[in-house]
Protein backbone atom coordinates (compact mmCIF):
# COMPACT_ATOMS: atom_id res chain seq x y z
CA MET A 1 0.00 0.00 0.00
CA SER A 2 1.46 3.33 -1.08
CA LEU A 3 2.61 5.71 1.65
CA THR A 4 1.01 8.67 -0.10
CA GLY A 5 -1.98 6.84 -1.56
CA THR A 6 -5.61 7.45 -0.69
CA PRO A 7 -6.22 3.81 0.46
CA PHE A 8 -3.55 4.10 3.16
CA LEU A 9 -4.94 7.44 4.36
CA TYR A 10 -8.49 6.06 4.56
CA THR A 11 -7.23 2.96 6.35
CA LEU A 12 -5.60 5.12 9.02
CA ILE A 13 -8.77 7.18 9.41
CA VAL A 14 -10.80 4.01 9.99
CA LEU A 15 -8.23 2.62 12.44
CA PHE A 16 -8.17 5.92 14.33
CA ALA A 17 -11.97 5.89 14.62
CA ILE A 18 -11.86 2.31 15.93
CA ALA A 19 -9.12 3.28 18.39
CA LEU A 20 -11.37 6.02 19.81
CA ILE A 21 -14.43 3.80 20.07
CA LEU A 22 -12.73 0.78 21.66
CA PRO A 23 -12.01 2.37 25.07
CA LEU A 24 -15.54 3.75 25.25
CA LEU A 25 -17.04 0.30 24.67
CA LEU A 26 -14.58 -1.98 26.42
CA TRP A 27 -12.88 0.02 29.20
CA SER A 28 -15.16 -1.21 31.97
CA ARG A 29 -15.80 -4.60 30.40
CA VAL A 30 -12.26 -5.92 30.54
CA ARG A 31 -12.27 -9.06 32.70
CA GLY A 32 -9.59 -11.04 34.49
CA PRO A 33 -6.86 -10.31 37.03
CA GLN A 34 -5.87 -6.71 37.73
CA ALA A 35 -2.61 -7.03 35.77
CA LEU A 36 -4.47 -8.34 32.70
CA ARG A 37 -7.09 -5.59 32.86
CA THR A 38 -4.37 -2.94 33.19
CA ALA A 39 -2.44 -4.40 30.25
CA GLY A 40 -5.58 -4.48 28.11
CA ARG A 41 -6.41 -0.87 28.84
CA MET A 42 -2.83 0.21 28.19
CA LEU A 43 -2.91 -1.53 24.79
CA MET A 44 -6.09 0.35 23.89
CA LEU A 45 -4.45 3.67 24.82
CA LEU A 46 -1.30 2.85 22.88
CA PHE A 47 -3.37 1.82 19.87
CA ALA A 48 -5.23 5.14 20.00
CA GLN A 49 -2.04 7.16 20.36
CA GLY A 50 -0.25 5.20 17.63
CA THR A 51 -3.02 5.62 15.07
CA ALA A 52 -3.33 9.33 15.94
CA VAL A 53 0.41 9.92 15.43
CA ALA A 54 0.40 7.92 12.19
CA LEU A 55 -2.61 9.82 10.84
CA VAL A 56 -1.10 13.21 11.65
CA PHE A 57 2.21 12.18 10.07
CA VAL A 58 0.51 11.06 6.84
CA LEU A 59 -1.52 14.28 6.65
CA VAL A 60 1.62 16.38 7.15
CA ASN A 61 3.60 14.25 4.70
CA ASN A 62 0.92 14.51 2.03
CA ALA A 63 0.62 18.27 2.53
CA ASN A 64 4.37 18.89 2.31
CA SER A 65 5.54 16.02 0.06
CA LEU A 66 8.36 15.02 2.40
CA TYR A 67 8.58 11.29 1.68
CA ASP A 68 7.42 9.79 -1.59
CA ASN A 69 7.43 6.11 -0.63
CA TRP A 70 8.22 3.65 2.15
CA ALA A 71 11.86 3.31 1.07
CA ASP A 72 12.40 7.06 1.51
CA LEU A 73 10.71 7.03 4.91
CA LEU A 74 12.53 3.96 6.22
CA GLY A 75 15.87 4.97 4.75
CA THR A 76 16.26 1.87 2.59
CA GLY A 77 16.36 3.57 -0.82
CA ASN A 78 19.61 3.93 -2.74
CA HIS A 79 19.60 5.27 -6.29
CA VAL A 80 23.36 5.44 -6.83
CA GLN A 81 24.79 2.62 -8.93
CA GLN A 82 28.28 4.07 -9.11
CA ALA A 83 30.03 7.31 -8.18
CA ALA A 84 33.22 7.66 -10.20
CA ASN A 85 35.49 10.70 -9.92
CA LEU A 86 34.12 12.86 -12.75
CA GLY A 87 36.54 15.75 -12.38
CA ALA A 88 35.91 19.47 -12.06
CA ASP A 89 33.40 19.71 -14.92
CA GLY A 90 31.46 16.63 -13.81
CA THR A 91 31.75 14.84 -17.16
CA GLY A 92 34.55 12.39 -16.36
CA GLY A 93 36.12 13.21 -19.70
CA ILE A 94 33.10 11.89 -21.60
CA ALA A 95 32.45 13.67 -24.91
CA LEU A 96 28.81 14.50 -24.25
CA LYS A 97 28.03 15.54 -27.84
CA ARG A 98 29.10 12.11 -29.05
CA LEU A 99 26.79 10.19 -26.74
CA PRO A 100 23.99 8.54 -28.71
CA LYS A 101 20.46 9.75 -28.05
CA VAL A 102 18.42 7.61 -25.70
CA LYS A 103 14.67 7.25 -26.18
CA GLN A 104 12.91 7.03 -22.83
CA ASP A 105 9.58 5.37 -22.15
CA PHE A 106 7.13 7.50 -20.17
CA THR A 107 4.03 6.58 -18.19
CA GLN A 108 1.33 8.68 -16.56
CA ALA A 109 2.47 9.67 -13.07
CA THR A 110 0.13 9.09 -10.15
CA GLY A 111 -0.62 11.10 -7.04
CA PRO A 112 -2.09 14.48 -6.06
CA GLY A 113 -1.51 17.18 -8.68
CA MET A 114 0.09 14.75 -11.15
CA SER A 115 -2.50 15.13 -13.91
CA GLY A 116 -0.67 15.48 -17.21
CA VAL A 117 2.69 14.65 -15.62
CA ARG A 118 4.80 11.92 -17.23
CA GLU A 119 7.21 9.68 -15.37
CA THR A 120 10.29 7.80 -16.52
CA GLN A 121 13.08 5.83 -14.88
CA LEU A 122 16.39 7.29 -16.02
CA LYS A 123 19.75 5.58 -15.80
CA GLY A 124 22.30 8.38 -15.81
CA ARG A 125 25.09 7.53 -18.21
CA VAL A 126 27.47 10.05 -16.64
CA SER A 127 26.43 10.25 -12.98
CA GLY A 128 25.71 6.60 -12.29
CA VAL A 129 22.35 7.54 -10.75
CA ASN A 130 19.23 5.49 -11.48
CA ALA A 131 16.08 7.36 -10.47
CA GLU A 132 12.73 8.70 -11.59
CA VAL A 133 12.17 11.96 -13.45
CA TYR A 134 8.80 13.71 -13.86
CA VAL A 135 8.00 15.87 -16.91
CA TRP A 136 5.10 18.23 -17.60
CA LEU A 137 4.61 19.82 -21.02
CA PRO A 138 3.04 23.27 -21.45
CA PRO A 139 -0.39 23.68 -23.09
CA GLN A 140 1.15 24.89 -26.37
CA TYR A 141 3.45 21.90 -26.79
CA ASP A 142 1.00 19.74 -28.79
CA GLU A 143 -0.67 22.59 -30.68
CA PRO A 144 -0.07 22.36 -34.46
CA ARG A 145 1.20 25.94 -34.79
CA TYR A 146 4.01 25.17 -32.29
CA ARG A 147 5.07 21.84 -33.78
CA HIS A 148 8.38 23.28 -34.98
CA ARG A 149 9.08 25.36 -31.85
CA THR A 150 11.39 24.51 -29.00
CA PHE A 151 10.41 25.33 -25.43
CA PRO A 152 12.40 26.65 -22.46
CA VAL A 153 12.91 24.26 -19.57
CA VAL A 154 12.89 24.68 -15.80
CA GLU A 155 14.22 21.98 -13.50
CA LEU A 156 12.28 21.89 -10.23
CA LEU A 157 14.05 20.85 -7.03
CA PRO A 158 12.36 20.09 -3.69
CA GLY A 159 13.75 20.65 -0.20
CA TYR A 160 15.17 17.95 2.05
CA PRO A 161 13.54 15.65 2.79
CA GLY A 162 11.30 16.13 -0.19
CA SER A 163 9.62 14.34 -3.04
CA ALA A 164 10.25 15.12 -6.70
CA LYS A 165 6.44 15.28 -6.98
CA ALA A 166 6.20 18.19 -4.54
CA TRP A 167 6.21 20.96 -7.15
CA PHE A 168 3.20 19.39 -8.88
CA GLY A 169 1.37 18.35 -5.71
CA ALA A 170 1.91 20.50 -2.63
CA MET A 171 3.29 23.49 -4.57
CA LYS A 172 0.50 23.32 -7.19
CA ALA A 173 2.91 24.68 -9.82
CA THR A 174 1.10 23.42 -12.92
CA GLN A 175 -2.30 24.33 -11.51
CA GLN A 176 -1.11 27.91 -11.01
CA LEU A 177 0.98 28.29 -14.16
CA ALA A 178 -1.00 26.50 -16.87
CA PRO A 179 -3.70 29.23 -17.16
CA LEU A 180 -1.01 31.93 -17.31
CA MET A 181 0.85 30.02 -20.00
CA ARG A 182 -2.33 29.76 -22.05
CA SER A 183 -2.95 33.49 -21.75
CA GLY A 184 0.65 34.37 -22.58
CA GLU A 185 1.40 35.96 -19.20
CA VAL A 186 4.01 33.31 -18.40
CA ALA A 187 6.29 31.60 -20.90
CA PRO A 188 5.32 28.03 -21.84
CA PHE A 189 7.99 26.18 -19.89
CA ILE A 190 8.63 22.46 -19.89
CA LEU A 191 8.77 21.56 -16.18
CA VAL A 192 11.12 18.78 -15.12
CA ALA A 193 11.31 17.36 -11.59
CA PRO A 194 14.12 14.83 -11.04
CA ARG A 195 14.60 12.86 -7.83
CA THR A 196 17.07 14.56 -5.49
CA ASN A 197 16.88 12.15 -2.53
CA LEU A 198 19.40 9.71 -3.92
CA LEU A 199 20.87 8.19 -0.74
CA ALA A 200 19.17 7.02 2.43
CA GLY A 201 19.05 9.46 5.33
CA VAL A 202 21.27 12.21 3.87
CA ASP A 203 20.97 15.24 1.63
CA THR A 204 23.35 15.05 -1.32
CA GLY A 205 23.69 18.84 -1.38
CA CYS A 206 23.51 18.49 -5.20
CA ALA A 207 27.24 17.84 -5.07
CA ASN A 208 29.62 15.45 -6.78
CA ILE A 209 31.43 13.46 -4.10
CA PRO A 210 33.65 10.73 -5.60
CA GLY A 211 32.85 7.30 -4.25
CA THR A 212 29.54 8.46 -2.76
CA VAL A 213 27.29 10.27 -5.24
CA ASN A 214 27.41 12.43 -8.36
CA ALA A 215 24.26 14.46 -7.74
CA ASP A 216 25.53 17.53 -9.61
CA SER A 217 26.15 15.56 -12.80
CA TRP A 218 22.78 13.82 -12.43
CA LEU A 219 20.93 17.14 -12.29
CA SER A 220 23.02 19.25 -14.65
CA ILE A 221 24.05 16.67 -17.29
CA ASP A 222 22.04 13.44 -17.32
CA VAL A 223 18.58 14.90 -16.76
CA PRO A 224 18.98 17.79 -19.26
CA ARG A 225 20.38 15.45 -21.93
CA MET A 226 17.43 13.10 -21.48
CA ILE A 227 15.00 16.00 -21.89
CA THR A 228 16.66 17.30 -25.05
CA ASP A 229 16.78 13.75 -26.48
CA ASN A 230 13.05 13.20 -25.96
CA PHE A 231 11.35 16.61 -26.20
CA ARG A 232 11.53 19.83 -28.21
CA ALA A 233 13.56 21.57 -25.54
CA ALA A 234 15.48 24.78 -26.12
CA PRO A 235 19.26 24.42 -26.03
CA ALA A 236 21.34 25.28 -22.99
CA PRO A 237 22.14 27.65 -21.51
CA ARG A 238 19.75 30.22 -22.94
CA GLY A 239 16.73 27.93 -22.71
CA TRP A 240 17.35 26.43 -19.27
CA ALA A 241 16.69 27.49 -15.69
CA VAL A 242 16.47 25.76 -12.32
CA ALA A 243 14.19 26.51 -9.36
CA GLY A 244 13.96 25.22 -5.81
CA TYR A 245 12.85 25.89 -2.27
CA SER A 246 14.80 25.39 0.98
CA ALA A 247 17.61 22.88 0.23
CA GLY A 248 16.39 22.85 -3.37
CA GLY A 249 16.81 26.62 -3.50
CA HIS A 250 20.43 26.26 -2.41
CA CYS A 251 20.94 23.65 -5.12
CA ALA A 252 19.29 25.78 -7.80
CA VAL A 253 21.58 28.75 -7.24
CA LYS A 254 24.65 26.59 -6.85
CA LEU A 255 23.98 24.76 -10.12
CA ALA A 256 23.44 27.99 -12.05
CA VAL A 257 26.52 29.71 -10.59
CA ALA A 258 28.72 26.65 -11.09
CA HIS A 259 27.44 25.88 -14.60
CA PRO A 260 26.56 29.05 -16.54
CA GLY A 261 27.06 27.01 -19.69
CA ARG A 262 24.14 24.80 -18.66
CA TYR A 263 21.70 27.28 -17.05
CA MET A 264 20.97 30.98 -17.54
CA ALA A 265 18.79 31.56 -14.47
CA ALA A 266 17.87 30.22 -11.05
CA ILE A 267 15.06 30.72 -8.54
CA SER A 268 15.64 30.16 -4.84
CA MET A 269 12.93 30.34 -2.18
CA SER A 270 14.23 30.31 1.41
CA GLY A 271 17.52 28.87 0.26
CA TYR A 272 20.99 29.29 1.76
CA ASN A 273 24.52 29.66 0.45
CA ASP A 274 26.66 27.63 2.86
CA PRO A 275 25.79 23.89 2.55
CA ILE A 276 25.86 23.71 6.35
CA GLY A 277 22.40 25.27 6.14
CA GLU A 278 21.27 21.63 5.94
CA ARG A 279 23.10 19.70 8.66
CA ASN A 280 22.52 16.39 6.89
CA SER A 281 24.09 17.63 3.68
CA LEU A 282 27.01 15.56 2.42
CA ALA A 283 28.46 18.75 0.95
CA ALA A 284 28.78 20.19 4.46
CA GLN A 285 30.94 17.40 5.88
CA ASN A 286 34.21 18.44 4.24
CA LEU A 287 35.60 21.99 4.23
CA GLN A 288 36.84 21.80 0.66
CA VAL A 289 33.61 20.33 -0.71
CA ARG A 290 31.66 22.80 1.40
CA ALA A 291 33.49 25.75 -0.18
CA GLU A 292 33.18 24.29 -3.70
CA ASN A 293 29.40 24.13 -3.29
CA ASN A 294 28.86 27.57 -1.74
CA PRO A 295 27.47 29.85 -4.51
CA TYR A 296 28.47 32.98 -2.57
CA LEU A 297 32.13 31.91 -2.57
CA LEU A 298 31.92 30.77 -6.18
CA LEU A 299 30.61 34.19 -7.26
CA LYS A 300 33.12 36.04 -5.12
CA LYS A 301 36.09 34.12 -6.51
CA ALA A 302 34.95 33.94 -10.14
CA LEU A 303 37.56 35.39 -12.50
CA THR A 304 34.85 35.79 -15.13
CA PRO A 305 31.43 36.58 -13.62
CA PRO A 306 28.81 34.21 -15.04
CA ARG A 307 26.09 35.54 -17.34
CA ILE A 308 23.19 34.36 -15.18
CA ALA A 309 20.15 35.89 -13.46
CA LEU A 310 19.20 34.91 -9.91
CA TYR A 311 15.85 35.36 -8.15
CA ILE A 312 16.21 35.02 -4.37
CA SER A 313 13.24 35.28 -2.01
CA GLY A 314 13.35 34.86 1.73
CA GLN A 315 12.47 36.00 5.20
CA PRO A 316 14.85 37.35 7.84
CA HIS A 317 17.21 34.51 8.84
CA ASP A 318 15.57 32.26 6.24
CA GLY A 319 17.00 33.03 2.83
CA TYR A 320 16.91 36.83 2.75
CA GLU A 321 20.45 37.33 4.06
CA ALA A 322 21.70 34.71 1.61
CA GLY A 323 20.24 36.77 -1.21
CA ILE A 324 21.87 39.95 0.07
CA GLY A 325 25.20 38.11 0.21
CA LEU A 326 24.83 37.03 -3.41
CA GLU A 327 23.89 40.57 -4.39
CA GLN A 328 27.06 41.91 -2.79
CA ALA A 329 29.25 39.26 -4.41
CA ALA A 330 27.73 39.60 -7.88
CA LYS A 331 29.50 41.46 -10.68
CA ALA A 332 28.14 42.20 -14.15
CA PRO A 333 26.86 40.40 -16.14
CA THR A 334 25.50 38.47 -13.14
CA THR A 335 22.19 39.92 -11.91
CA VAL A 336 20.54 39.22 -8.56
CA HIS A 337 16.93 40.07 -7.72
CA VAL A 338 16.19 39.80 -3.98
CA VAL A 339 12.61 39.65 -2.70
CA PHE A 340 11.94 40.32 0.98
CA ILE A 341 9.14 38.17 2.45
CA PRO A 342 7.76 39.44 5.79
CA ARG A 343 7.46 37.13 8.77
CA SER A 344 3.70 37.55 8.66
CA ALA A 345 3.64 35.48 5.46
CA GLY A 346 4.27 32.27 7.42
CA GLY A 347 7.14 29.96 8.30
CA HIS A 348 9.42 27.58 6.43
CA THR A 349 6.58 25.62 4.80
CA MET A 350 4.72 25.08 1.54
CA ALA A 351 2.27 27.77 2.63
CA LEU A 352 5.12 30.29 2.29
CA TRP A 353 6.54 29.03 -1.00
CA ARG A 354 3.37 28.19 -2.91
CA PRO A 355 2.32 31.85 -3.44
CA GLN A 356 5.80 32.64 -4.79
CA VAL A 357 5.47 30.33 -7.78
CA VAL A 358 3.64 32.81 -10.02
CA PRO A 359 5.74 35.94 -9.31
CA SER A 360 9.00 34.02 -9.66
CA PHE A 361 7.92 32.51 -12.98
CA ARG A 362 6.77 35.91 -14.23
CA TRP A 363 10.26 37.18 -13.46
CA LEU A 364 11.80 34.16 -15.17
CA SER A 365 9.65 34.68 -18.27
CA VAL A 366 10.91 38.26 -18.60
CA GLU A 367 14.55 37.35 -17.96
CA MET A 368 14.56 34.47 -20.44
CA GLY A 369 12.59 36.54 -22.96
CA ARG A 370 15.17 39.31 -22.75
CA HIS A 371 17.96 36.76 -23.16
CA HIS A 372 16.26 35.22 -26.21
CA ALA A 373 15.76 38.67 -27.71
CA ARG A 374 19.52 39.16 -27.66
CA GLY A 375 20.36 35.75 -29.08
CA GLY A 376 17.40 34.92 -31.31
CA SER A 377 14.35 33.28 -29.77
CA THR A 378 12.90 29.93 -30.75
CA THR A 379 10.25 30.04 -28.03
CA PRO A 380 6.79 31.65 -28.14
CA PRO A 381 6.78 35.26 -26.92
CA VAL A 382 5.41 36.24 -23.53
CA ARG A 383 2.57 38.73 -23.58
CA SER A 384 3.14 41.84 -21.51
CA SER A 385 1.10 42.05 -18.32
CA ALA A 386 1.07 44.12 -15.16
CA GLY A 387 2.91 41.39 -13.31
CA SER A 388 5.57 40.89 -15.96
CA ARG A 389 6.08 44.63 -16.41
CA HIS A 390 6.67 44.95 -12.69
CA ALA A 391 9.12 42.06 -12.80
CA ALA A 392 10.97 43.67 -15.69
CA LEU A 393 11.38 46.90 -13.76
CA ALA A 394 12.24 45.19 -10.49
CA SER A 395 14.82 42.81 -11.87
CA GLY A 396 17.05 45.55 -13.29
CA THR A 397 18.86 45.47 -16.61
CA SER A 398 20.90 42.45 -17.55
CA SER A 399 23.98 44.56 -18.18
CA ARG A 400 24.71 45.27 -14.53
CA ALA A 401 24.87 43.38 -11.26
CA GLY A 402 22.59 44.14 -8.37
CA ALA A 403 19.21 43.56 -6.79
CA VAL A 404 16.03 45.35 -5.87
CA ARG A 405 14.66 44.60 -2.42
CA ARG A 406 10.94 44.82 -1.77
CA ARG A 407 9.59 45.49 1.69
C-alpha cells in the first residue's frame, strides 16, 4: 500500500476511529486479574495514540511532500549505482556531444496534482544515478502551430527531505501556471522534476562526491540530456533554468553559478549559500567540498562573472540574508533580484513558497525573454502584463549586477 496513496490514508482514518471507540465500549468490560485488565487498557491507549500519530504524520507528509514512498521514509532507498570521480566539470572526460540519443519510455504519473505529468526511470550515463524523473509539457506543446518550436525548460528541485512530486502536488505549480501560459502571461515552460533524494538518510547537497554520489552531474548533465533527447527543448544555456525551495533553493543557485554554460537563471525560495544550512548535507561534511558548493564563494572568486540571473526570495534569517550576500558578491553580467518576504507570510513551509510560484515565474519569463531577444528566440513570446512589467522593472537590466529589495 502506497505511503502517499488514498487507500492508506483512509485505512488510518478508519483505524483511528476504531481506536477512539474501543475504550468507550470496552474500558469497563475488561475481565480477568488486575494485571491483565491494566495491560488491556494500556494496549487500547497505545493503539489510539499510535493511530493518531500515524494519521497526523501522513496528513503532514501529504501536505508537504516530504517522503514519496516507504523506502524514503525507512531509509532503505539507494539510487546510486556508481560514483566515479568525474573531475571538475562533472563529465569524467566523456564527450557529451558524441553520446547517442536515448529514447525514454514515459508513463502517466500518479498522485495528487500529477494530472498530465509523465514519469520515466532514467539511468544516468554520466552520474551513475538510477532514479525517476517527472515531466510536464506546457499547453502549447502539442498545438499544431508550435510543432516546430522549442520550449524553455525549468528543472524543479524540492527541499530535504522532499519528493520530486512536490512541485506538482503540494506546490500546485502546474495548476497555477497553466492558465497563465495559455494566456501568454508566463512563458510556456517544460517543467522537469528529477529525484534529489538519492541516498538514504542524507541530503546530497547536489554535489559530486567521488565514491559516494554524483548528484551535480545527475541534475546538470544526465537529466537535461534526457529531456533534449526526448522533447523539443530549447538548447542550454539560454533555454534552461532551475528553481527550488529550501535545500532545493540552495541547489538551484549553486547549479546555475557553477554551470553558466548549462543554465541561464535560477530561482531560490528560502535557500541558503553555505551547505551547512542543511546539517545532513554531504556537501557540508568536508571543508573543501563545502566551499566548492557555496554559490556565494563561487561568485566572489569567479575570475569571469557568469552571465546568469538569480531570483532570491526569503524572510529574515531564512533566505533573505543569503540573497543579500549574493547581491554583494555579484558582478556584471550576473544579476541578482532579492525579494523580501515578511514574517507575517508564514514559516518555512509550503504555505510560504506556494504563493511565490507565479511571481518568480513571471520574473523568469521576462529574464529568459530578454535573453532570447539578444540571441534569437525559438520560443513563443510572452505577452506583456502588469505582473511581468513589474518584474521587468524590479529585476534591473541584464547589463549590470545588483538587486532590488521589496519590503
